[in-house]
Amino acid sequence: MSENDDFVNAVGDLLASWSLSRATGRVYGALLIEEAPVSLDHLGATVSLSKGQVSTSTRELVAWGLARTIPQAGSRRVLVEATKGLESLLEASQRRARTLVGALAGGRRLVVPGSVAGQRLEDVIGLFDGYVAAGDRILRERTHIVDDDQSQ
């Protein structure tokens, strides 16, 4: 087994622990070490998965903000590449967390304020509000750092 295979499998195992499929993680690992966008056929050959598995994995990665697809003019084919940097992953996570906070807030009308259930719900809402606030700070700092780097 090559070092590339070891890396791809390690990323596959890691993303499986995030409740994504191991195949999706392996596709992501392969994308991370590609120099340029690649076809689904290339990915399938690289990670020994069917085109259907690669297509499903690619859709998951795009939904998580870990990859993007690039349509090819005059064709139904797409190229795929891993997204660059923390920002796209964090932005996707932020969208999910905001949606969760909104759904949780809707539960406030179902519990008695100050009750055990009411306090538990407020604690969970507070946790995810804090997560969103921390993510927003990180994104602002990263944007500021990128802006500073580009102005020099």
N, C-alpha and C. Protein backbone atom coordinates (compact mmCIF):
# COMPACT_ATOMS: atom_id res chain seq x y z
N MET A 1 0.85 -1.19 0.00
CA MET A 1 0.00 0.00 0.00
C MET A 1 0.90 1.25 0.00
N SER A 2 0.55 2.25 -0.79
CA SER A 2 1.36 3.46 -0.92
C SER A 2 1.04 4.46 0.19
N GLU A 3 1.88 5.46 0.31
CA GLU A 3 1.61 6.55 1.26
C GLU A 3 0.31 7.27 0.91
N ASN A 4 0.06 7.44 -0.38
CA ASN A 4 -1.20 8.07 -0.81
C ASN A 4 -2.39 7.25 -0.32
N ASP A 5 -2.34 5.93 -0.49
CA ASP A 5 -3.43 5.07 -0.04
C ASP A 5 -3.60 5.17 1.48
N ASP A 6 -2.49 5.19 2.20
CA ASP A 6 -2.55 5.32 3.66
C ASP A 6 -3.25 6.62 4.06
N PHE A 7 -2.90 7.71 3.37
CA PHE A 7 -3.50 9.01 3.68
C PHE A 7 -4.99 9.00 3.36
N VAL A 8 -5.34 8.51 2.17
CA VAL A 8 -6.74 8.47 1.74
C VAL A 8 -7.56 7.63 2.72
N ASN A 9 -7.04 6.50 3.14
CA ASN A 9 -7.75 5.65 4.09
C ASN A 9 -7.86 6.30 5.47
N ALA A 10 -6.82 7.00 5.90
CA ALA A 10 -6.87 7.69 7.20
C ALA A 10 -7.94 8.78 7.19
N VAL A 11 -8.02 9.55 6.10
CA VAL A 11 -9.06 10.59 6.00
C VAL A 11 -10.43 9.93 5.94
N GLY A 12 -10.54 8.81 5.25
CA GLY A 12 -11.80 8.07 5.20
C GLY A 12 -12.26 7.65 6.58
N ASP A 13 -11.33 7.14 7.38
CA ASP A 13 -11.66 6.72 8.74
C ASP A 13 -12.06 7.91 9.60
N LEU A 14 -11.36 9.03 9.45
CA LEU A 14 -11.67 10.22 10.24
C LEU A 14 -13.06 10.74 9.92
N LEU A 15 -13.37 10.89 8.63
CA LEU A 15 -14.68 11.42 8.28
C LEU A 15 -15.80 10.45 8.64
N ALA A 16 -15.50 9.16 8.67
CA ALA A 16 -16.49 8.18 9.13
C ALA A 16 -16.85 8.45 10.59
N SER A 17 -15.88 8.94 11.37
CA SER A 17 -16.18 9.27 12.77
C SER A 17 -17.02 10.54 12.88
N TRP A 18 -17.15 11.30 11.79
CA TRP A 18 -18.02 12.48 11.73
C TRP A 18 -19.38 12.14 11.15
N SER A 19 -19.67 10.87 11.02
CA SER A 19 -20.94 10.36 10.49
C SER A 19 -21.07 10.53 8.98
N LEU A 20 -19.99 10.72 8.29
CA LEU A 20 -20.00 10.64 6.83
C LEU A 20 -19.55 9.23 6.48
N SER A 21 -19.82 8.80 5.28
CA SER A 21 -19.38 7.45 4.91
C SER A 21 -17.87 7.42 4.75
N ARG A 22 -17.31 6.25 4.95
CA ARG A 22 -15.87 6.08 4.77
C ARG A 22 -15.50 6.38 3.32
N ALA A 23 -16.38 6.00 2.38
CA ALA A 23 -16.12 6.29 0.97
C ALA A 23 -16.02 7.79 0.73
N THR A 24 -16.91 8.56 1.36
CA THR A 24 -16.87 10.02 1.21
C THR A 24 -15.55 10.56 1.76
N GLY A 25 -15.13 10.04 2.89
CA GLY A 25 -13.85 10.46 3.45
C GLY A 25 -12.68 10.11 2.57
N ARG A 26 -12.73 8.95 1.94
CA ARG A 26 -11.65 8.55 1.05
C ARG A 26 -11.61 9.45 -0.18
N VAL A 27 -12.78 9.79 -0.72
CA VAL A 27 -12.83 10.70 -1.86
C VAL A 27 -12.24 12.06 -1.46
N TYR A 28 -12.60 12.54 -0.27
CA TYR A 28 -12.06 13.82 0.19
C TYR A 28 -10.54 13.74 0.34
N GLY A 29 -10.06 12.66 0.92
CA GLY A 29 -8.60 12.49 1.05
C GLY A 29 -7.91 12.55 -0.30
N ALA A 30 -8.50 11.88 -1.29
CA ALA A 30 -7.91 11.90 -2.63
C ALA A 30 -7.93 13.31 -3.21
N LEU A 31 -9.04 14.04 -3.01
CA LEU A 31 -9.13 15.40 -3.55
C LEU A 31 -8.10 16.32 -2.91
N LEU A 32 -7.84 16.13 -1.63
CA LEU A 32 -6.89 17.01 -0.94
C LEU A 32 -5.49 16.96 -1.53
N ILE A 33 -5.12 15.82 -2.09
CA ILE A 33 -3.74 15.70 -2.60
C ILE A 33 -3.65 15.79 -4.12
N GLU A 34 -4.77 16.11 -4.76
CA GLU A 34 -4.75 16.35 -6.21
C GLU A 34 -4.29 17.79 -6.48
N GLU A 35 -3.50 17.97 -7.50
CA GLU A 35 -2.99 19.30 -7.86
C GLU A 35 -4.01 20.16 -8.58
N ALA A 36 -4.96 19.51 -9.24
CA ALA A 36 -5.94 20.23 -10.06
C ALA A 36 -7.29 19.51 -9.95
N PRO A 37 -8.37 20.19 -10.34
CA PRO A 37 -9.67 19.51 -10.35
C PRO A 37 -9.62 18.23 -11.18
N VAL A 38 -10.38 17.22 -10.76
CA VAL A 38 -10.36 15.92 -11.43
C VAL A 38 -11.77 15.45 -11.74
N SER A 39 -11.87 14.51 -12.65
CA SER A 39 -13.16 13.94 -13.04
C SER A 39 -13.60 12.89 -12.03
N LEU A 40 -14.88 12.57 -12.07
CA LEU A 40 -15.41 11.50 -11.22
C LEU A 40 -14.76 10.16 -11.59
N ASP A 41 -14.50 9.96 -12.88
CA ASP A 41 -13.85 8.72 -13.32
C ASP A 41 -12.45 8.61 -12.70
N HIS A 42 -11.72 9.71 -12.72
CA HIS A 42 -10.38 9.71 -12.13
C HIS A 42 -10.46 9.39 -10.64
N LEU A 43 -11.41 10.02 -9.94
CA LEU A 43 -11.57 9.76 -8.51
C LEU A 43 -11.91 8.30 -8.25
N GLY A 44 -12.82 7.76 -9.05
CA GLY A 44 -13.21 6.36 -8.89
C GLY A 44 -12.02 5.42 -9.02
N ALA A 45 -11.18 5.69 -10.02
CA ALA A 45 -9.98 4.87 -10.21
C ALA A 45 -9.00 5.05 -9.06
N THR A 46 -8.88 6.26 -8.57
CA THR A 46 -7.93 6.55 -7.50
C THR A 46 -8.31 5.86 -6.20
N VAL A 47 -9.59 5.86 -5.86
CA VAL A 47 -10.02 5.31 -4.57
C VAL A 47 -10.73 3.97 -4.71
N SER A 48 -10.73 3.41 -5.92
CA SER A 48 -11.34 2.10 -6.19
C SER A 48 -12.80 2.04 -5.76
N LEU A 49 -13.57 3.03 -6.22
CA LEU A 49 -15.01 3.08 -5.97
C LEU A 49 -15.73 3.23 -7.30
N SER A 50 -17.00 2.82 -7.32
CA SER A 50 -17.79 2.98 -8.54
C SER A 50 -18.08 4.46 -8.78
N LYS A 51 -18.43 4.78 -10.01
CA LYS A 51 -18.77 6.16 -10.35
C LYS A 51 -19.97 6.63 -9.52
N GLY A 52 -20.93 5.74 -9.26
CA GLY A 52 -22.08 6.07 -8.43
C GLY A 52 -21.67 6.42 -7.00
N GLN A 53 -20.76 5.63 -6.42
CA GLN A 53 -20.28 5.92 -5.07
C GLN A 53 -19.53 7.25 -5.03
N VAL A 54 -18.74 7.49 -6.05
CA VAL A 54 -17.98 8.75 -6.11
C VAL A 54 -18.94 9.92 -6.28
N SER A 55 -19.96 9.76 -7.10
CA SER A 55 -20.93 10.83 -7.31
C SER A 55 -21.67 11.15 -6.00
N THR A 56 -22.11 10.12 -5.29
CA THR A 56 -22.79 10.33 -4.01
C THR A 56 -21.85 10.99 -3.00
N SER A 57 -20.62 10.51 -2.94
CA SER A 57 -19.63 11.08 -2.02
C SER A 57 -19.35 12.53 -2.35
N THR A 58 -19.26 12.84 -3.63
CA THR A 58 -19.00 14.21 -4.06
C THR A 58 -20.15 15.14 -3.63
N ARG A 59 -21.38 14.68 -3.80
CA ARG A 59 -22.53 15.49 -3.37
C ARG A 59 -22.47 15.76 -1.86
N GLU A 60 -22.09 14.75 -1.08
CA GLU A 60 -21.96 14.94 0.37
C GLU A 60 -20.87 15.97 0.68
N LEU A 61 -19.75 15.85 0.01
CA LEU A 61 -18.64 16.78 0.26
C LEU A 61 -19.03 18.21 -0.10
N VAL A 62 -19.75 18.37 -1.20
CA VAL A 62 -20.22 19.71 -1.60
C VAL A 62 -21.18 20.25 -0.54
N ALA A 63 -22.09 19.41 -0.05
CA ALA A 63 -23.04 19.85 0.98
C ALA A 63 -22.34 20.25 2.26
N TRP A 64 -21.24 19.62 2.58
CA TRP A 64 -20.48 19.95 3.79
C TRP A 64 -19.52 21.12 3.56
N GLY A 65 -19.40 21.58 2.34
CA GLY A 65 -18.49 22.68 2.05
C GLY A 65 -17.04 22.23 1.90
N LEU A 66 -16.82 20.94 1.72
CA LEU A 66 -15.46 20.41 1.61
C LEU A 66 -14.98 20.30 0.17
N ALA A 67 -15.89 20.38 -0.78
CA ALA A 67 -15.52 20.27 -2.20
C ALA A 67 -16.45 21.14 -3.03
N ARG A 68 -16.01 21.39 -4.25
CA ARG A 68 -16.88 22.10 -5.19
C ARG A 68 -16.78 21.42 -6.54
N THR A 69 -17.86 21.52 -7.29
CA THR A 69 -17.87 20.95 -8.64
C THR A 69 -17.73 22.08 -9.65
N ILE A 70 -17.11 21.75 -10.76
CA ILE A 70 -16.88 22.72 -11.83
C ILE A 70 -17.49 22.15 -13.11
N PRO A 71 -18.63 22.73 -13.55
CA PRO A 71 -19.27 22.22 -14.78
C PRO A 71 -18.34 22.40 -15.98
N GLN A 72 -18.45 21.48 -16.93
CA GLN A 72 -17.67 21.55 -18.15
C GLN A 72 -18.58 21.99 -19.29
N ALA A 73 -18.21 23.05 -19.96
CA ALA A 73 -19.03 23.62 -21.03
C ALA A 73 -19.36 22.57 -22.08
N GLY A 74 -20.64 22.52 -22.45
CA GLY A 74 -21.08 21.61 -23.49
C GLY A 74 -21.13 20.15 -23.08
N SER A 75 -21.05 19.88 -21.78
CA SER A 75 -21.03 18.50 -21.31
C SER A 75 -21.77 18.40 -19.98
N ARG A 76 -22.25 17.21 -19.67
CA ARG A 76 -22.86 16.97 -18.36
C ARG A 76 -21.79 16.63 -17.32
N ARG A 77 -20.58 16.45 -17.77
CA ARG A 77 -19.48 16.07 -16.88
C ARG A 77 -19.05 17.26 -16.03
N VAL A 78 -18.56 16.94 -14.85
CA VAL A 78 -18.04 17.96 -13.95
C VAL A 78 -16.65 17.54 -13.49
N LEU A 79 -15.90 18.53 -13.10
CA LEU A 79 -14.64 18.27 -12.40
C LEU A 79 -14.89 18.61 -10.93
N VAL A 80 -14.10 18.02 -10.06
CA VAL A 80 -14.27 18.20 -8.62
C VAL A 80 -12.94 18.60 -8.02
N GLU A 81 -13.01 19.50 -7.04
CA GLU A 81 -11.80 19.84 -6.29
C GLU A 81 -12.17 20.08 -4.84
N ALA A 82 -11.21 19.85 -3.95
CA ALA A 82 -11.40 20.17 -2.54
C ALA A 82 -11.42 21.68 -2.42
N THR A 83 -12.25 22.18 -1.53
CA THR A 83 -12.27 23.62 -1.31
C THR A 83 -11.01 24.03 -0.56
N LYS A 84 -10.69 25.28 -0.68
CA LYS A 84 -9.47 25.79 -0.07
C LYS A 84 -9.78 26.38 1.29
N GLY A 85 -9.06 25.96 2.26
CA GLY A 85 -9.08 26.61 3.55
C GLY A 85 -10.24 26.25 4.45
N LEU A 86 -10.12 26.75 5.63
CA LEU A 86 -11.08 26.54 6.71
C LEU A 86 -12.40 27.24 6.45
N GLU A 87 -12.36 28.33 5.73
CA GLU A 87 -13.53 29.17 5.60
C GLU A 87 -14.74 28.44 5.03
N SER A 88 -14.55 27.69 3.97
CA SER A 88 -15.71 27.04 3.34
C SER A 88 -16.31 25.97 4.24
N LEU A 89 -15.47 25.22 4.95
CA LEU A 89 -15.98 24.22 5.88
C LEU A 89 -16.71 24.89 7.03
N LEU A 90 -16.13 25.94 7.57
CA LEU A 90 -16.75 26.63 8.70
C LEU A 90 -18.04 27.32 8.29
N GLU A 91 -18.07 27.92 7.11
CA GLU A 91 -19.30 28.57 6.64
C GLU A 91 -20.43 27.56 6.49
N ALA A 92 -20.12 26.37 5.96
CA ALA A 92 -21.15 25.33 5.82
C ALA A 92 -21.62 24.87 7.20
N SER A 93 -20.70 24.72 8.11
CA SER A 93 -21.05 24.32 9.47
C SER A 93 -21.89 25.40 10.15
N GLN A 94 -21.55 26.65 9.91
CA GLN A 94 -22.30 27.77 10.49
C GLN A 94 -23.75 27.77 9.99
N ARG A 95 -23.93 27.53 8.70
CA ARG A 95 -25.29 27.47 8.15
C ARG A 95 -26.10 26.38 8.83
N ARG A 96 -25.49 25.21 9.01
CA ARG A 96 -26.19 24.10 9.67
C ARG A 96 -26.52 24.46 11.12
N ALA A 97 -25.57 25.06 11.81
CA ALA A 97 -25.79 25.40 13.22
C ALA A 97 -26.88 26.45 13.36
N ARG A 98 -26.90 27.44 12.49
CA ARG A 98 -27.96 28.46 12.55
C ARG A 98 -29.34 27.84 12.31
N THR A 99 -29.41 26.90 11.38
CA THR A 99 -30.67 26.21 11.12
C THR A 99 -31.09 25.41 12.35
N LEU A 100 -30.14 24.75 12.99
CA LEU A 100 -30.44 24.00 14.21
C LEU A 100 -30.92 24.92 15.32
N VAL A 101 -30.27 26.05 15.52
CA VAL A 101 -30.69 27.00 16.56
C VAL A 101 -32.11 27.47 16.29
N GLY A 102 -32.42 27.76 15.04
CA GLY A 102 -33.78 28.17 14.69
C GLY A 102 -34.81 27.09 15.01
N ALA A 103 -34.48 25.86 14.68
CA ALA A 103 -35.40 24.75 14.98
C ALA A 103 -35.55 24.56 16.48
N LEU A 104 -34.44 24.64 17.20
CA LEU A 104 -34.50 24.49 18.66
C LEU A 104 -35.31 25.60 19.30
N ALA A 105 -35.14 26.82 18.82
CA ALA A 105 -35.88 27.96 19.36
C ALA A 105 -37.38 27.75 19.21
N GLY A 106 -37.78 27.07 18.14
CA GLY A 106 -39.19 26.76 17.94
C GLY A 106 -39.75 25.86 19.04
N GLY A 107 -38.87 25.12 19.69
CA GLY A 107 -39.30 24.24 20.77
C GLY A 107 -39.61 24.96 22.07
N ARG A 108 -39.22 26.23 22.16
CA ARG A 108 -39.47 26.99 23.39
C ARG A 108 -40.95 27.03 23.75
N ARG A 109 -41.82 27.04 22.76
CA ARG A 109 -43.25 27.11 23.04
C ARG A 109 -43.80 25.79 23.54
N LEU A 110 -42.99 24.74 23.49
CA LEU A 110 -43.43 23.41 23.90
C LEU A 110 -43.06 23.06 25.34
N VAL A 111 -42.24 23.91 25.97
CA VAL A 111 -41.79 23.61 27.33
C VAL A 111 -42.16 24.75 28.27
N VAL A 112 -42.21 24.44 29.53
CA VAL A 112 -42.48 25.45 30.55
C VAL A 112 -41.15 26.14 30.87
N PRO A 113 -41.10 27.47 30.74
CA PRO A 113 -39.86 28.18 31.06
C PRO A 113 -39.41 27.85 32.49
N GLY A 114 -38.13 27.56 32.65
CA GLY A 114 -37.57 27.26 33.97
C GLY A 114 -37.71 25.81 34.39
N SER A 115 -38.51 25.02 33.66
CA SER A 115 -38.64 23.60 33.97
C SER A 115 -37.34 22.88 33.59
N VAL A 116 -37.22 21.62 33.99
CA VAL A 116 -36.04 20.84 33.62
C VAL A 116 -35.89 20.81 32.10
N ALA A 117 -36.97 20.50 31.39
CA ALA A 117 -36.91 20.45 29.93
C ALA A 117 -36.61 21.83 29.34
N GLY A 118 -37.23 22.85 29.91
CA GLY A 118 -37.00 24.21 29.43
C GLY A 118 -35.56 24.64 29.61
N GLN A 119 -34.97 24.31 30.76
CA GLN A 119 -33.57 24.67 31.01
C GLN A 119 -32.63 23.89 30.10
N ARG A 120 -32.94 22.60 29.92
CA ARG A 120 -32.12 21.78 29.02
C ARG A 120 -32.14 22.36 27.61
N LEU A 121 -33.31 22.72 27.13
CA LEU A 121 -33.44 23.30 25.80
C LEU A 121 -32.64 24.60 25.71
N GLU A 122 -32.76 25.46 26.71
CA GLU A 122 -32.00 26.72 26.70
C GLU A 122 -30.50 26.48 26.73
N ASP A 123 -30.06 25.44 27.47
CA ASP A 123 -28.63 25.12 27.50
C ASP A 123 -28.12 24.70 26.12
N VAL A 124 -28.92 23.89 25.42
CA VAL A 124 -28.50 23.44 24.09
C VAL A 124 -28.51 24.61 23.11
N ILE A 125 -29.53 25.46 23.20
CA ILE A 125 -29.57 26.65 22.34
C ILE A 125 -28.37 27.53 22.63
N GLY A 126 -28.06 27.72 23.90
CA GLY A 126 -26.90 28.53 24.27
C GLY A 126 -25.59 27.95 23.76
N LEU A 127 -25.47 26.64 23.82
CA LEU A 127 -24.26 25.99 23.32
C LEU A 127 -24.08 26.27 21.83
N PHE A 128 -25.14 26.08 21.06
CA PHE A 128 -25.01 26.29 19.61
C PHE A 128 -24.93 27.77 19.25
N ASP A 129 -25.57 28.64 20.02
CA ASP A 129 -25.38 30.08 19.81
C ASP A 129 -23.90 30.44 20.02
N GLY A 130 -23.30 29.88 21.06
CA GLY A 130 -21.88 30.12 21.33
C GLY A 130 -20.99 29.59 20.22
N TYR A 131 -21.35 28.43 19.71
CA TYR A 131 -20.60 27.84 18.59
C TYR A 131 -20.66 28.76 17.37
N VAL A 132 -21.84 29.27 17.07
CA VAL A 132 -22.01 30.16 15.92
C VAL A 132 -21.21 31.44 16.14
N ALA A 133 -21.29 32.00 17.34
CA ALA A 133 -20.55 33.24 17.63
C ALA A 133 -19.04 33.02 17.49
N ALA A 134 -18.54 31.89 18.00
CA ALA A 134 -17.11 31.60 17.89
C ALA A 134 -16.71 31.42 16.42
N GLY A 135 -17.54 30.73 15.67
CA GLY A 135 -17.26 30.56 14.24
C GLY A 135 -17.24 31.87 13.50
N ASP A 136 -18.19 32.76 13.84
CA ASP A 136 -18.22 34.08 13.21
C ASP A 136 -16.93 34.85 13.51
N ARG A 137 -16.46 34.76 14.75
CA ARG A 137 -15.20 35.44 15.12
C ARG A 137 -14.03 34.89 14.31
N ILE A 138 -13.97 33.57 14.20
CA ILE A 138 -12.88 32.95 13.44
C ILE A 138 -12.93 33.40 11.99
N LEU A 139 -14.11 33.40 11.40
CA LEU A 139 -14.23 33.83 10.01
C LEU A 139 -13.83 35.29 9.83
N ARG A 140 -14.24 36.16 10.76
CA ARG A 140 -13.84 37.57 10.68
C ARG A 140 -12.33 37.71 10.78
N GLU A 141 -11.71 36.98 11.71
CA GLU A 141 -10.25 37.05 11.87
C GLU A 141 -9.54 36.52 10.64
N ARG A 142 -10.02 35.41 10.09
CA ARG A 142 -9.40 34.83 8.90
C ARG A 142 -9.54 35.78 7.71
N THR A 143 -10.69 36.42 7.57
CA THR A 143 -10.90 37.38 6.50
C THR A 143 -9.95 38.56 6.67
N HIS A 144 -9.79 39.02 7.91
CA HIS A 144 -8.88 40.13 8.19
C HIS A 144 -7.44 39.75 7.86
N ILE A 145 -7.03 38.54 8.21
CA ILE A 145 -5.67 38.08 7.93
C ILE A 145 -5.46 37.98 6.42
N VAL A 146 -6.41 37.41 5.70
CA VAL A 146 -6.30 37.29 4.24
C VAL A 146 -6.24 38.67 3.61
N ASP A 147 -7.08 39.60 4.07
CA ASP A 147 -7.06 40.98 3.53
C ASP A 147 -5.70 41.62 3.77
N ASP A 148 -5.12 41.45 4.97
CA ASP A 148 -3.82 42.01 5.29
C ASP A 148 -2.72 41.40 4.39
N ASP A 149 -2.78 40.08 4.18
CA ASP A 149 -1.79 39.41 3.34
C ASP A 149 -1.86 39.90 1.90
N GLN A 150 -3.07 40.15 1.41
CA GLN A 150 -3.22 40.57 0.02
C GLN A 150 -2.83 42.02 -0.19
N SER A 151 -2.87 42.83 0.86
CA SER A 151 -2.54 44.24 0.72
C SER A 151 -1.02 44.47 0.82
N GLN A 152 -0.28 43.44 1.19
CA GLN A 152 1.18 43.61 1.31
C GLN A 152 1.90 43.26 0.06
